[in-house]
C-alpha cells in the first residue's frame, strides 16, 4: 500500500479555510461584545432617566401639597373676615396686623419652595394676586368692624371674587394632571428599558456562551482526532485479528490508508486487548473470563441507559454511566470505546449537547466490543475442551502404568508438611489500592468485583474439602484442581496475597500428587473467611460514605 500525502494546494486551501474561520469567529466575538455593551449602556441610561423622572415627580407632589396648604390658609382668612371680632382690651391695629400674618408667611414659603418648571412663569403673578388678596381681606375686616354696612358688603364681595383663588385652583389642577402624566411616563419607560436592556444582555450572554461551547467542542474534537491525520503505510496492520504466542486474541479495526472526514470523529484502534488483561491478572484466564462475563451482564446496554438519562435531563447520572464505562474500557484495553466515553463524559460535565450520532457511535463501539468478547469466550471454551481431553488422555496413561499399592512407599502417602504460619503473617488479606489501580480508580467496578467475590467464592474452602474427601488421597479430581486454581486467580486480582499464597500451596501439592494435610484446608478456610470479612468491611465503609 503506497503512502499518500496531501498536495500543497490542499494544504494552502486548508490554511485559508482556517484563517476564514478565525476571522468569522473574531467578527462574531466583536458583534456579541458590542450587543452586550449596548445592552449595559442602555440599562444605565434608562436607570438614570427613570431616577430623574422620579425626582421630578416627587418635587411636583411636594409643590402640590404646599399649594393645597396655601389654599387652606386663604379659606381660613375668608372665614376670619366674618367671625373675628375686635378685642376691646387690645389695640385695633394689633388685631388688624395679626389677621393676615399666617397667610402672608405661607405665601412667602410657597414662593421660596421647590417650584416646578411649568409653574415658574406664573409665580410672580400669583404672588402679586396673593398679596392683593391679603390687603382686601384686611380692608373687609376693618369695614365690618366699624359697622359700615355698605362698605362691609362691598369689601367681602371683593374678597369672594378675588382672582387669586381661581388662579390657584387652576394651577393646582394643571399640576395634578402633569404629575399623573409624569408617573405613567416613568412606569412605561421603566418597562421599556427593563425589557430592552434585559433582552440585549441576554442575547449578548447567549452569543458568548454559544461561542464558548463551540470552542470547547472544537478542543474536545481535537483531542479525539489528535492522531487521525496520519497515513498507515504497513498493510499488515489492515488485518482484523492478530494472534499472539499465548493463544489469546487481540481484535483491532481495519486501518484506512487516508482518513476521511467521517473518520475525524474518533481514532480507529484496539477493540479488546486480552493480553493486557491477562498481564494485569497474572495470567489467570478464568479471572479474565469472569470480568468479561460481568461486562456482558452489566454494561452491554449502557448506551440505551445513557440515552434515557439524557432524555430525562439527568446529566449527573449520564456522566456517572460514561465514567464507569470509561474505566471498564480502560481495564479491557478497549481504546475506541474509551475515547467515545471520554468524549461523552466531557460533554456531560461541560453542559455540551450530545447528539443522537454520538450515542449511536457509542452503541457501535459497545457492539464491536461485545462481538470481540464473544469471540474470545468461544476460543476459551475450545481451549478448555482441549485441556479436558488432554487431562483425560494423561489420566488413561497414568492408569496404564499404575503399580500395585504395596509398591508405593509410605512416605509418598504421608500428608505434605503444612506451610509455616509465620511466613504468611505479613501477607495482605486485601489490597484495595492495587484493585483500584487495575480498575482505573473506578470505585463502582471495584465494589462490583468484591460483591461477586463474596457471592461466588465465600464457600470455596468447604466445597474443596468435600471434593477432596470424595476422592482417593493421591487422586485429586479435575474439579478440585480447577477450583483451587480459580480461587488463586481471583485472589491475585484482588491483591489478597495471603489467600493466593495458601491456594498456591494446595495447588502445588495437587500437581505433585501429594496428600494435603487437613491443617492446610483449615488454614485456607480461615484465610478465605478473613478476606471475605475485609471485603465486606470495605463495602460497608463505601456505603456509609455514599450515605
Protein backbone atom coordinates (compact mmCIF):
# COMPACT_ATOMS: atom_id res chain seq x y z
CA UNK A 1 0.00 0.00 0.00
CA UNK A 2 1.52 3.33 -1.07
CA UNK A 3 1.62 6.34 1.19
CA UNK A 4 -0.44 9.29 0.05
CA UNK A 5 0.28 12.85 1.04
CA UNK A 6 -1.85 15.94 0.66
CA UNK A 7 -0.73 18.24 -2.15
CA UNK A 8 0.48 21.72 -1.37
CA UNK A 9 -2.68 23.25 -2.87
CA UNK A 10 -4.82 21.28 -0.43
CA UNK A 11 -2.68 22.42 2.48
CA UNK A 12 -2.97 26.03 1.32
CA UNK A 13 -6.73 25.64 0.97
CA UNK A 14 -6.94 24.21 4.49
CA UNK A 15 -4.91 27.10 5.92
CA UNK A 16 -7.09 29.66 4.11
CA UNK A 17 -10.22 27.96 5.41
CA UNK A 18 -8.83 28.03 8.95
CA UNK A 19 -7.99 31.73 8.54
CA UNK A 20 -11.54 32.49 7.35
CA UNK A 21 -12.95 30.55 10.29
CA UNK A 22 -10.78 32.59 12.67
CA UNK A 23 -11.95 35.86 11.05
CA UNK A 24 -15.59 34.75 11.28
CA UNK A 25 -15.18 33.83 14.92
CA UNK A 26 -13.48 37.17 15.58
CA UNK A 27 -16.35 39.08 13.92
CA UNK A 28 -18.84 37.03 15.95
CA UNK A 29 -16.96 37.85 19.14
CA UNK A 30 -16.91 41.57 18.36
CA UNK A 31 -20.62 41.54 17.43
CA UNK A 32 -21.67 39.74 20.59
CA UNK A 33 -19.44 42.00 22.72
CA UNK A 34 -20.95 45.08 21.05
CA UNK A 35 -24.51 43.89 21.67
CA UNK A 36 -23.68 43.12 25.28
CA UNK A 37 -22.09 46.56 25.77
CA UNK A 38 -25.10 48.26 24.12
CA UNK A 39 -27.49 46.45 26.45
CA UNK A 40 -25.49 47.50 29.51
CA UNK A 41 -25.25 51.16 28.38
CA UNK A 42 -28.99 51.21 27.69
CA UNK A 43 -29.68 49.89 31.16
CA UNK A 44 -27.50 52.58 32.74
CA UNK A 45 -29.03 55.43 30.70
CA UNK A 46 -32.57 54.19 31.29
CA UNK A 47 -31.95 53.88 35.02
CA UNK A 48 -30.65 57.45 35.13
CA UNK A 49 -33.65 58.84 33.22
CA UNK A 50 -36.07 56.95 35.45
CA UNK A 51 -34.32 58.29 38.55
CA UNK A 52 -34.57 61.87 37.20
CA UNK A 53 -38.26 61.49 36.39
CA UNK A 54 -38.89 60.06 39.85
CA UNK A 55 -37.21 63.05 41.50
CA UNK A 56 -39.21 65.42 39.29
CA UNK A 57 -42.45 63.66 40.20
CA UNK A 58 -41.65 63.86 43.91
CA UNK A 59 -40.90 67.60 43.57
CA UNK A 60 -44.23 68.17 41.80
CA UNK A 61 -46.12 66.32 44.51
CA UNK A 62 -44.40 68.39 47.19
CA UNK A 63 -45.34 71.63 45.39
CA UNK A 64 -48.95 70.46 45.02
CA UNK A 65 -49.02 69.78 48.75
CA UNK A 66 -47.73 73.29 49.55
CA UNK A 67 -50.31 74.78 47.15
CA UNK A 68 -53.07 72.94 48.98
CA UNK A 69 -51.83 74.35 52.30
CA UNK A 70 -51.87 77.88 50.81
CA UNK A 71 -55.43 77.30 49.64
CA UNK A 72 -56.42 76.25 53.16
CA UNK A 73 -54.88 79.44 54.57
CA UNK A 74 -56.82 81.54 52.06
CA UNK A 75 -60.10 79.83 53.01
CA UNK A 76 -59.41 80.37 56.71
CA UNK A 77 -58.67 84.04 56.03
CA UNK A 78 -62.04 84.47 54.31
CA UNK A 79 -63.71 82.89 57.33
CA UNK A 80 -61.93 85.21 59.80
CA UNK A 81 -63.28 88.29 57.99
CA UNK A 82 -66.78 87.36 59.15
CA UNK A 83 -66.11 85.67 62.50
CA UNK A 84 -63.17 87.56 64.04
CA UNK A 85 -64.26 90.49 66.25
CA UNK A 86 -62.16 93.29 67.63
CA UNK A 87 -60.93 92.89 71.18
CA UNK A 88 -61.54 95.94 73.33
CA UNK A 89 -58.56 95.14 75.50
CA UNK A 90 -56.17 95.18 72.53
CA UNK A 91 -55.44 97.93 70.07
CA UNK A 92 -57.29 97.66 66.78
CA UNK A 93 -54.07 97.93 64.78
CA UNK A 94 -52.63 94.90 66.56
CA UNK A 95 -55.62 92.70 65.69
CA UNK A 96 -55.64 94.07 62.15
CA UNK A 97 -51.98 93.16 61.60
CA UNK A 98 -52.36 89.65 63.03
CA UNK A 99 -55.30 88.84 60.74
CA UNK A 100 -53.21 88.02 57.67
CA UNK A 101 -49.87 87.08 59.28
CA UNK A 102 -50.34 83.32 58.82
CA UNK A 103 -51.45 83.70 55.21
CA UNK A 104 -48.61 86.04 54.29
CA UNK A 105 -45.94 83.75 55.85
CA UNK A 106 -47.40 80.75 54.00
CA UNK A 107 -47.30 82.75 50.76
CA UNK A 108 -43.61 83.51 51.29
CA UNK A 109 -42.80 79.84 51.95
CA UNK A 110 -44.72 78.83 48.87
CA UNK A 111 -42.83 81.37 46.76
CA UNK A 112 -39.42 80.22 48.03
CA UNK A 113 -40.18 76.49 47.74
CA UNK A 114 -39.15 73.99 45.04
CA UNK A 115 -41.17 75.27 42.11
CA UNK A 116 -41.70 73.05 39.02
CA UNK A 117 -40.53 74.44 35.69
CA UNK A 118 -44.07 74.54 34.31
CA UNK A 119 -45.24 76.85 37.17
CA UNK A 120 -42.30 79.27 37.36
CA UNK A 121 -43.74 81.70 34.75
CA UNK A 122 -46.96 82.07 36.75
CA UNK A 123 -45.37 82.51 40.17
CA UNK A 124 -44.84 86.31 40.13
CA UNK A 125 -48.38 87.00 39.00
CA UNK A 126 -49.79 84.58 41.60
CA UNK A 127 -47.72 86.07 44.43
CA UNK A 128 -48.90 89.56 43.48
CA UNK A 129 -52.51 88.37 43.45
CA UNK A 130 -51.98 86.71 46.85
CA UNK A 131 -50.78 89.93 48.41
CA UNK A 132 -53.75 91.80 46.95
CA UNK A 133 -56.00 89.13 48.40
CA UNK A 134 -54.48 89.70 51.89
CA UNK A 135 -54.92 93.50 51.58
CA UNK A 136 -58.56 93.12 50.53
CA UNK A 137 -59.19 90.75 53.45
CA UNK A 138 -57.79 93.31 55.94
CA UNK A 139 -59.91 96.10 54.46
CA UNK A 140 -63.06 93.96 54.58
CA UNK A 141 -62.48 93.17 58.28
CA UNK A 142 -61.99 96.84 59.13
CA UNK A 143 -65.17 97.79 57.27
CA UNK A 144 -67.17 95.08 59.09
CA UNK A 145 -65.74 96.03 62.50
CA UNK A 146 -66.73 99.71 62.08
CA UNK A 147 -70.32 98.84 61.13
CA UNK A 148 -70.22 100.47 57.78
CA UNK A 149 -72.70 98.21 56.12
CA UNK A 150 -72.30 99.31 52.55
CA UNK A 151 -68.50 99.29 52.67
CA UNK A 152 -68.57 95.93 54.51
CA UNK A 153 -70.61 94.11 51.86
CA UNK A 154 -68.57 95.56 49.02
CA UNK A 155 -65.29 94.54 50.67
CA UNK A 156 -66.50 90.98 51.35
CA UNK A 157 -67.69 90.63 47.75
CA UNK A 158 -64.24 91.72 46.56
CA UNK A 159 -62.67 89.01 48.70
CA UNK A 160 -65.04 86.35 47.38
CA UNK A 161 -64.45 87.16 43.74
CA UNK A 162 -60.66 87.68 44.05
CA UNK A 163 -58.91 86.15 41.01
CA UNK A 164 -56.12 84.77 43.24
CA UNK A 165 -58.25 81.84 44.42
CA UNK A 166 -59.37 80.99 40.91
CA UNK A 167 -55.79 81.09 39.56
CA UNK A 168 -54.62 78.95 42.48
CA UNK A 169 -57.27 76.33 41.75
CA UNK A 170 -56.32 76.23 38.08
CA UNK A 171 -52.61 75.87 38.91
CA UNK A 172 -53.28 73.01 41.28
CA UNK A 173 -55.41 71.13 38.72
CA UNK A 174 -52.79 71.51 35.99
CA UNK A 175 -50.05 70.31 38.36
CA UNK A 176 -52.06 67.23 39.32
CA UNK A 177 -52.60 66.38 35.66
CA UNK A 178 -48.90 66.90 34.89
CA UNK A 179 -47.86 64.71 37.83
CA UNK A 180 -50.21 61.91 36.68
CA UNK A 181 -48.77 62.00 33.18
CA UNK A 182 -45.25 62.02 34.62
CA UNK A 183 -45.98 58.94 36.75
CA UNK A 184 -47.35 56.95 33.81
CA UNK A 185 -44.41 58.03 31.63
CA UNK A 186 -41.96 56.85 34.30
CA UNK A 187 -43.65 53.45 34.58
CA UNK A 188 -43.77 52.98 30.80
CA UNK A 189 -40.13 53.98 30.40
CA UNK A 190 -39.08 51.62 33.21
CA UNK A 191 -40.84 48.70 31.50
CA UNK A 192 -39.31 49.51 28.09
CA UNK A 193 -35.82 49.98 29.47
CA UNK A 194 -36.03 46.79 31.51
CA UNK A 195 -37.23 44.71 28.55
CA UNK A 196 -34.77 46.20 26.08
CA UNK A 197 -31.79 46.10 28.40
CA UNK A 198 -32.52 42.59 29.65
CA UNK A 199 -33.05 41.36 26.10
CA UNK A 200 -29.78 42.88 24.92
CA UNK A 201 -27.80 41.47 27.83
CA UNK A 202 -29.39 38.03 27.44
CA UNK A 203 -28.67 37.99 23.72
CA UNK A 204 -25.05 39.01 24.24
CA UNK A 205 -24.52 36.47 27.01
CA UNK A 206 -26.16 33.78 24.88
CA UNK A 207 -23.82 34.52 21.97
CA UNK A 208 -20.78 34.40 24.23
CA UNK A 209 -21.99 31.11 25.73
CA UNK A 210 -22.54 29.52 22.32
CA UNK A 211 -19.11 30.60 21.14
CA UNK A 212 -17.53 29.21 24.31
CA UNK A 213 -19.32 25.86 23.84
CA UNK A 214 -18.25 25.75 20.21
CA UNK A 215 -14.63 26.31 21.23
CA UNK A 216 -14.92 23.55 23.84
CA UNK A 217 -16.38 21.16 21.27
CA UNK A 218 -13.57 22.02 18.87
CA UNK A 219 -10.98 21.44 21.59
CA UNK A 220 -12.56 18.12 22.53
CA UNK A 221 -12.73 17.01 18.90
CA UNK A 222 -9.08 17.93 18.52
CA UNK A 223 -8.23 15.67 21.45
CA UNK A 224 -10.12 12.79 19.87
CA UNK A 225 -8.57 13.14 16.44
CA UNK A 226 -5.04 14.07 17.51
CA UNK A 227 -3.61 11.08 15.65
CA UNK A 228 -6.19 10.76 12.88
CA UNK A 229 -4.23 12.75 10.27
CA UNK A 230 -1.50 10.13 9.85
CA UNK A 231 -1.23 7.67 6.98
CA UNK A 232 -0.87 3.93 7.62
CA UNK A 233 1.84 2.50 5.40
CA UNK A 234 2.09 -1.00 6.73
CA UNK A 235 -0.51 -3.23 5.03
CA UNK A 236 -0.13 -5.87 7.72
CA UNK A 237 -1.99 -3.54 10.12
CA UNK A 238 -5.12 -3.91 7.98
CA UNK A 239 -5.93 -7.33 9.40
CA UNK A 240 -8.93 -7.79 11.69
CA UNK A 241 -7.46 -10.40 14.10
CA UNK A 242 -3.84 -10.76 15.27
CA UNK A 243 -2.93 -13.96 17.11
CA UNK A 244 -0.19 -13.92 19.74
CA UNK A 245 2.02 -16.61 21.22
CA UNK A 246 -0.07 -17.10 24.36
CA UNK A 247 -3.10 -18.15 22.37
CA UNK A 248 -5.08 -15.01 23.24
CA UNK A 249 -6.64 -12.76 20.65
CA UNK A 250 -6.29 -9.03 20.17
CA UNK A 251 -9.02 -7.57 17.99
CA UNK A 252 -8.27 -4.40 16.05
CA UNK A 253 -10.12 -2.32 13.49
CA UNK A 254 -9.10 -2.14 9.89
CA UNK A 255 -6.92 0.91 9.27
CA UNK A 256 -7.64 3.20 6.33
CA UNK A 257 -4.78 4.49 4.23
CA UNK A 258 -6.12 8.05 4.11
CA UNK A 259 -8.63 9.16 6.79
CA UNK A 260 -11.84 10.72 5.52
CA UNK A 261 -13.82 13.49 7.18
CA UNK A 262 -16.09 10.94 8.83
CA UNK A 263 -13.04 9.35 10.44
CA UNK A 264 -12.24 12.61 12.22
CA UNK A 265 -14.79 11.77 14.95
CA UNK A 266 -12.68 9.06 16.54
CA UNK A 267 -9.46 7.17 16.09
CA UNK A 268 -9.59 3.53 14.96
CA UNK A 269 -7.73 1.41 17.46
CA UNK A 270 -7.87 -1.64 19.66
CA UNK A 271 -11.31 -3.04 20.44
CA UNK A 272 -10.25 -5.63 23.07
CA UNK A 273 -6.76 -6.34 24.45
CA UNK A 274 -6.96 -9.64 26.31
CA UNK A 275 -3.17 -9.79 26.56
CA UNK A 276 -3.24 -6.65 28.72
CA UNK A 277 -5.99 -8.18 30.86
CA UNK A 278 -4.00 -11.39 31.34
CA UNK A 279 -0.94 -9.37 32.37
CA UNK A 280 -2.96 -7.49 34.99
CA UNK A 281 -4.47 -10.79 36.26
CA UNK A 282 -1.11 -12.63 36.45
CA UNK A 283 -2.07 -14.84 33.52
CA UNK A 284 -5.25 -16.13 35.18
CA UNK A 285 -7.62 -16.77 32.26
CA UNK A 286 -10.53 -17.67 34.49
CA UNK A 287 -10.44 -14.23 36.13
CA UNK A 288 -10.37 -12.64 32.69
CA UNK A 289 -13.38 -14.70 31.62
CA UNK A 290 -15.15 -13.70 34.85
CA UNK A 291 -14.60 -9.99 34.17
CA UNK A 292 -15.76 -10.32 30.57
CA UNK A 293 -18.83 -12.19 31.79
CA UNK A 294 -19.59 -9.35 34.19
CA UNK A 295 -19.28 -6.82 31.38
CA UNK A 296 -21.71 -8.76 29.20
CA UNK A 297 -24.26 -8.75 32.02
CA UNK A 298 -23.80 -5.21 33.31
CA UNK A 299 -22.58 -2.88 30.54
CA UNK A 300 -23.81 -4.02 27.11
CA UNK A 301 -26.93 -1.86 27.40
CA UNK A 302 -25.14 1.23 28.76
CA UNK A 303 -25.74 3.24 25.56
CA UNK A 304 -29.51 2.92 25.98
CA UNK A 305 -29.28 3.72 29.70
CA UNK A 306 -27.18 6.79 28.98
CA UNK A 307 -29.61 7.98 26.27
CA UNK A 308 -32.56 7.54 28.64
CA UNK A 309 -30.77 9.56 31.35
CA UNK A 310 -30.12 12.39 28.89
CA UNK A 311 -33.76 12.42 27.79
CA UNK A 312 -34.82 12.77 31.43
CA UNK A 313 -32.32 15.61 31.91
CA UNK A 314 -30.29 13.62 34.47
CA UNK A 315 -26.84 14.72 33.28
CA UNK A 316 -25.09 13.69 36.51
CA UNK A 317 -26.34 10.12 36.14
CA UNK A 318 -25.31 10.10 32.47
CA UNK A 319 -21.84 11.33 33.46
CA UNK A 320 -21.51 8.52 36.03
CA UNK A 321 -22.53 5.90 33.45
CA UNK A 322 -19.96 7.25 30.98
CA UNK A 323 -17.25 7.38 33.67
CA UNK A 324 -17.89 3.78 34.78
CA UNK A 325 -17.88 2.57 31.19
CA UNK A 326 -14.67 4.52 30.52
CA UNK A 327 -12.94 2.81 33.43
CA UNK A 328 -14.06 -0.64 32.30
CA UNK A 329 -12.92 0.12 28.75
CA UNK A 330 -9.52 1.17 30.09
CA UNK A 331 -9.09 -2.08 32.01
CA UNK A 332 -10.07 -4.04 28.87
CA UNK A 333 -7.69 -2.11 26.61
CA UNK A 334 -10.74 -1.03 24.55
CA UNK A 335 -9.25 2.20 23.24
CA UNK A 336 -12.06 3.10 20.83
CA UNK A 337 -14.77 2.65 23.49
CA UNK A 338 -12.70 4.62 25.99
CA UNK A 339 -12.37 7.52 23.53
CA UNK A 340 -16.12 7.66 22.94
CA UNK A 341 -16.94 7.53 26.68
CA UNK A 342 -14.31 10.18 27.47
CA UNK A 343 -15.92 12.50 24.91
CA UNK A 344 -19.44 11.93 26.27
CA UNK A 345 -18.33 12.35 29.88
CA UNK A 346 -16.59 15.62 28.97
CA UNK A 347 -19.75 16.89 27.24
CA UNK A 348 -21.92 15.98 30.25
CA UNK A 349 -19.63 17.84 32.65
CA UNK A 350 -19.32 20.93 30.43
CA UNK A 351 -23.02 21.10 29.55
CA UNK A 352 -22.37 20.45 25.84
CA UNK A 353 -25.26 18.95 23.91
CA UNK A 354 -24.83 15.26 23.00
CA UNK A 355 -26.27 14.35 19.63
CA UNK A 356 -28.00 11.15 18.60
CA UNK A 357 -24.98 10.41 16.40
CA UNK A 358 -22.71 10.37 19.48
CA UNK A 359 -24.98 7.84 21.20
CA UNK A 360 -25.09 5.75 18.02
CA UNK A 361 -21.29 5.70 17.79
CA UNK A 362 -21.10 4.66 21.46
CA UNK A 363 -23.55 1.84 20.79
CA UNK A 364 -21.48 0.73 17.80
CA UNK A 365 -18.32 0.66 19.92
CA UNK A 366 -20.15 -1.43 22.55
CA UNK A 367 -21.38 -3.79 19.84
CA UNK A 368 -17.88 -4.24 18.47
CA UNK A 369 -16.54 -4.95 21.96
CA UNK A 370 -19.37 -7.41 22.59
CA UNK A 371 -18.54 -9.27 19.37
CA UNK A 372 -14.86 -9.39 20.34
CA UNK A 373 -15.71 -10.72 23.82
CA UNK A 374 -17.97 -13.43 22.39
CA UNK A 375 -15.19 -14.45 20.01
CA UNK A 376 -12.67 -14.65 22.85
CA UNK A 377 -15.06 -16.60 25.08
CA UNK A 378 -15.68 -19.07 22.26
CA UNK A 379 -11.95 -19.58 21.82
CA UNK A 380 -11.55 -20.05 25.57
CA UNK A 381 -14.31 -22.65 25.56
CA UNK A 382 -12.48 -24.58 22.83
CA UNK A 383 -9.24 -24.30 24.83
CA UNK A 384 -10.95 -25.67 27.93
CA UNK A 385 -12.33 -28.63 25.95
CA UNK A 386 -8.87 -29.34 24.55
CA UNK A 387 -7.39 -29.19 28.06
CA UNK A 388 -10.05 -31.60 29.30
CA UNK A 389 -9.22 -34.06 26.51
CA UNK A 390 -5.51 -33.82 27.33
CA UNK A 391 -6.21 -34.41 31.03
CA UNK A 392 -8.34 -37.44 30.18
CA UNK A 393 -5.60 -38.88 27.94
CA UNK A 394 -3.00 -38.23 30.62
CA UNK A 395 -5.18 -39.98 33.18
CA UNK A 396 -5.51 -43.07 30.96
CA UNK A 397 -1.73 -43.18 30.52
CA UNK A 398 -1.29 -42.99 34.29
CA UNK A 399 -3.78 -45.80 34.82
CA UNK A 400 -1.93 -47.95 32.28
CA UNK A 401 1.32 -47.59 34.18
CA UNK A 402 -0.12 -47.80 37.70
CA UNK A 403 1.71 -50.10 40.14
CA UNK A 404 0.40 -52.19 42.95
CA UNK A 405 -0.40 -50.44 46.21
CA UNK A 406 2.30 -52.33 48.09
CA UNK A 407 4.92 -50.84 45.76
CA UNK A 408 4.11 -47.31 46.89
CA UNK A 409 6.28 -46.20 49.74
CA UNK A 410 4.65 -44.99 52.91
CA UNK A 411 6.41 -41.66 52.57
CA UNK A 412 4.53 -40.91 49.38
CA UNK A 413 1.20 -41.31 51.18
CA UNK A 414 2.19 -39.07 54.09
CA UNK A 415 0.49 -35.66 54.18
CA UNK A 416 2.64 -32.83 52.96
CA UNK A 417 4.05 -30.56 55.63
CA UNK A 418 1.91 -27.58 56.48
CA UNK A 419 3.25 -24.23 55.44
CA UNK A 420 4.76 -22.07 58.15
CA UNK A 421 2.19 -19.63 59.53
CA UNK A 422 4.89 -17.13 60.48
CA UNK A 423 5.98 -16.80 56.86
CA UNK A 424 2.44 -15.73 55.84
CA UNK A 425 1.77 -13.26 58.64
CA UNK A 426 2.98 -10.27 56.61
CA UNK A 427 0.85 -11.07 53.57
CA UNK A 428 -2.13 -8.77 52.87
CA UNK A 429 -5.69 -10.02 53.17
CA UNK A 430 -6.99 -7.47 50.63
CA UNK A 431 -5.18 -4.74 48.68
CA UNK A 432 -7.86 -2.25 47.67
CA UNK A 433 -5.31 0.23 46.32
CA UNK A 434 -3.99 -2.40 43.90
CA UNK A 435 -7.52 -3.26 42.74
CA UNK A 436 -8.38 0.43 42.22
CA UNK A 437 -5.25 0.92 40.10
CA UNK A 438 -6.08 -2.10 37.96
CA UNK A 439 -9.65 -0.76 37.54
CA UNK A 440 -8.52 2.76 36.63
CA UNK A 441 -9.72 4.13 40.00
CA UNK A 442 -13.33 3.13 39.29
CA UNK A 443 -14.80 2.54 42.75
CA UNK A 444 -18.05 1.14 41.35
CA UNK A 445 -16.22 -1.57 39.39
CA UNK A 446 -14.18 -2.47 42.49
CA UNK A 447 -17.34 -2.78 44.58
CA UNK A 448 -18.97 -4.94 41.92
CA UNK A 449 -15.89 -7.21 41.76
CA UNK A 450 -15.85 -7.61 45.57
CA UNK A 451 -19.57 -8.37 45.67
CA UNK A 452 -19.10 -11.09 43.04
CA UNK A 453 -16.14 -12.49 45.00
CA UNK A 454 -18.21 -12.67 48.19
CA UNK A 455 -21.19 -14.22 46.43
CA UNK A 456 -19.33 -16.84 44.38
CA UNK A 457 -16.22 -17.76 46.41
CA UNK A 458 -17.20 -17.49 50.09
CA UNK A 459 -17.81 -21.27 50.32
CA UNK A 460 -14.91 -22.41 48.11
CA UNK A 461 -12.93 -23.87 51.04
CA UNK A 462 -15.85 -26.08 52.11
CA UNK A 463 -16.50 -27.17 48.52
CA UNK A 464 -12.84 -28.08 48.11
CA UNK A 465 -12.83 -30.23 51.25
CA UNK A 466 -15.96 -32.05 50.08
CA UNK A 467 -14.41 -32.74 46.66
CA UNK A 468 -11.17 -33.98 48.22
CA UNK A 469 -12.91 -36.30 50.67
CA UNK A 470 -14.78 -37.90 47.77
CA UNK A 471 -11.50 -38.92 46.08
CA UNK A 472 -8.60 -41.12 46.96
CA UNK A 473 -5.77 -39.24 48.74
CA UNK A 474 -3.49 -39.39 45.70
CA UNK A 475 -6.18 -38.95 43.02
CA UNK A 476 -7.47 -35.37 43.18
CA UNK A 477 -10.34 -34.68 40.77
CA UNK A 478 -10.08 -32.19 37.96
CA UNK A 479 -12.94 -30.15 39.54
CA UNK A 480 -10.99 -29.70 42.79
CA UNK A 481 -7.87 -28.72 40.88
CA UNK A 482 -9.78 -26.09 38.86
CA UNK A 483 -11.49 -24.72 41.98
CA UNK A 484 -8.12 -24.09 43.69
CA UNK A 485 -6.67 -22.59 40.52
CA UNK A 486 -9.67 -20.26 40.09
CA UNK A 487 -9.50 -19.16 43.73
CA UNK A 488 -5.81 -18.41 43.31
CA UNK A 489 -6.50 -16.26 40.23
CA UNK A 490 -9.30 -14.31 41.91
CA UNK A 491 -7.11 -13.73 44.97
CA UNK A 492 -4.37 -12.42 42.70
CA UNK A 493 -6.76 -9.96 41.03
CA UNK A 494 -7.85 -8.68 44.48
CA UNK A 495 -4.35 -8.32 45.85
CA UNK A 496 -5.24 -10.94 48.51
CA UNK A 497 -1.69 -12.24 48.90
CA UNK A 498 -2.42 -14.46 51.93
CA UNK A 499 -5.28 -16.23 50.14
CA UNK A 500 -3.26 -16.51 46.93
CA UNK A 501 -0.29 -17.98 48.82
CA UNK A 502 -2.40 -20.62 50.55
CA UNK A 503 -4.15 -21.60 47.32
CA UNK A 504 -0.75 -21.91 45.61
CA UNK A 505 0.45 -24.24 48.39
CA UNK A 506 -2.52 -26.58 47.97
CA UNK A 507 -2.35 -26.42 44.16
CA UNK A 508 1.36 -27.29 44.28
CA UNK A 509 0.62 -30.39 46.40
CA UNK A 510 -2.11 -31.41 43.96
CA UNK A 511 0.30 -31.15 40.99
CA UNK A 512 2.92 -33.25 42.81
CA UNK A 513 0.33 -35.93 43.69
CA UNK A 514 0.91 -35.25 47.39
CA UNK A 515 -1.68 -35.69 50.12
CA UNK A 516 -2.57 -32.32 51.62
CA UNK A 517 -2.77 -32.07 55.39
CA UNK A 518 -6.09 -31.13 56.95
CA UNK A 519 -4.42 -28.15 58.58
CA UNK A 520 -3.80 -26.68 55.11
CA UNK A 521 -7.52 -26.88 54.28
CA UNK A 522 -8.40 -25.32 57.62
CA UNK A 523 -5.90 -22.56 57.03
CA UNK A 524 -7.38 -21.94 53.56
CA UNK A 525 -10.85 -21.68 55.11
CA UNK A 526 -9.60 -19.28 57.78
CA UNK A 527 -7.75 -17.02 55.33
CA UNK A 528 -10.74 -17.04 52.96
CA UNK A 529 -13.08 -16.06 55.81
CA UNK A 530 -10.74 -13.22 56.83
CA UNK A 531 -10.60 -12.00 53.22
CA UNK A 532 -14.41 -12.06 52.98
CA UNK A 533 -14.60 -10.03 56.21
CA UNK A 534 -12.13 -7.46 54.82
CA UNK A 535 -14.08 -7.17 51.56
CA UNK A 536 -17.37 -6.80 53.46
CA UNK A 537 -15.85 -4.12 55.70
CA UNK A 538 -14.72 -2.13 52.65
CA UNK A 539 -18.17 -2.35 51.05
CA UNK A 540 -19.77 -1.20 54.32
CA UNK A 541 -17.42 1.79 54.51
CA UNK A 542 -18.21 2.75 50.93
CA UNK A 543 -21.94 2.53 51.62
CA UNK A 544 -21.50 4.83 54.64
CA UNK A 545 -19.54 7.34 52.55
CA UNK A 546 -22.26 7.41 49.89
CA UNK A 547 -24.97 7.84 52.55
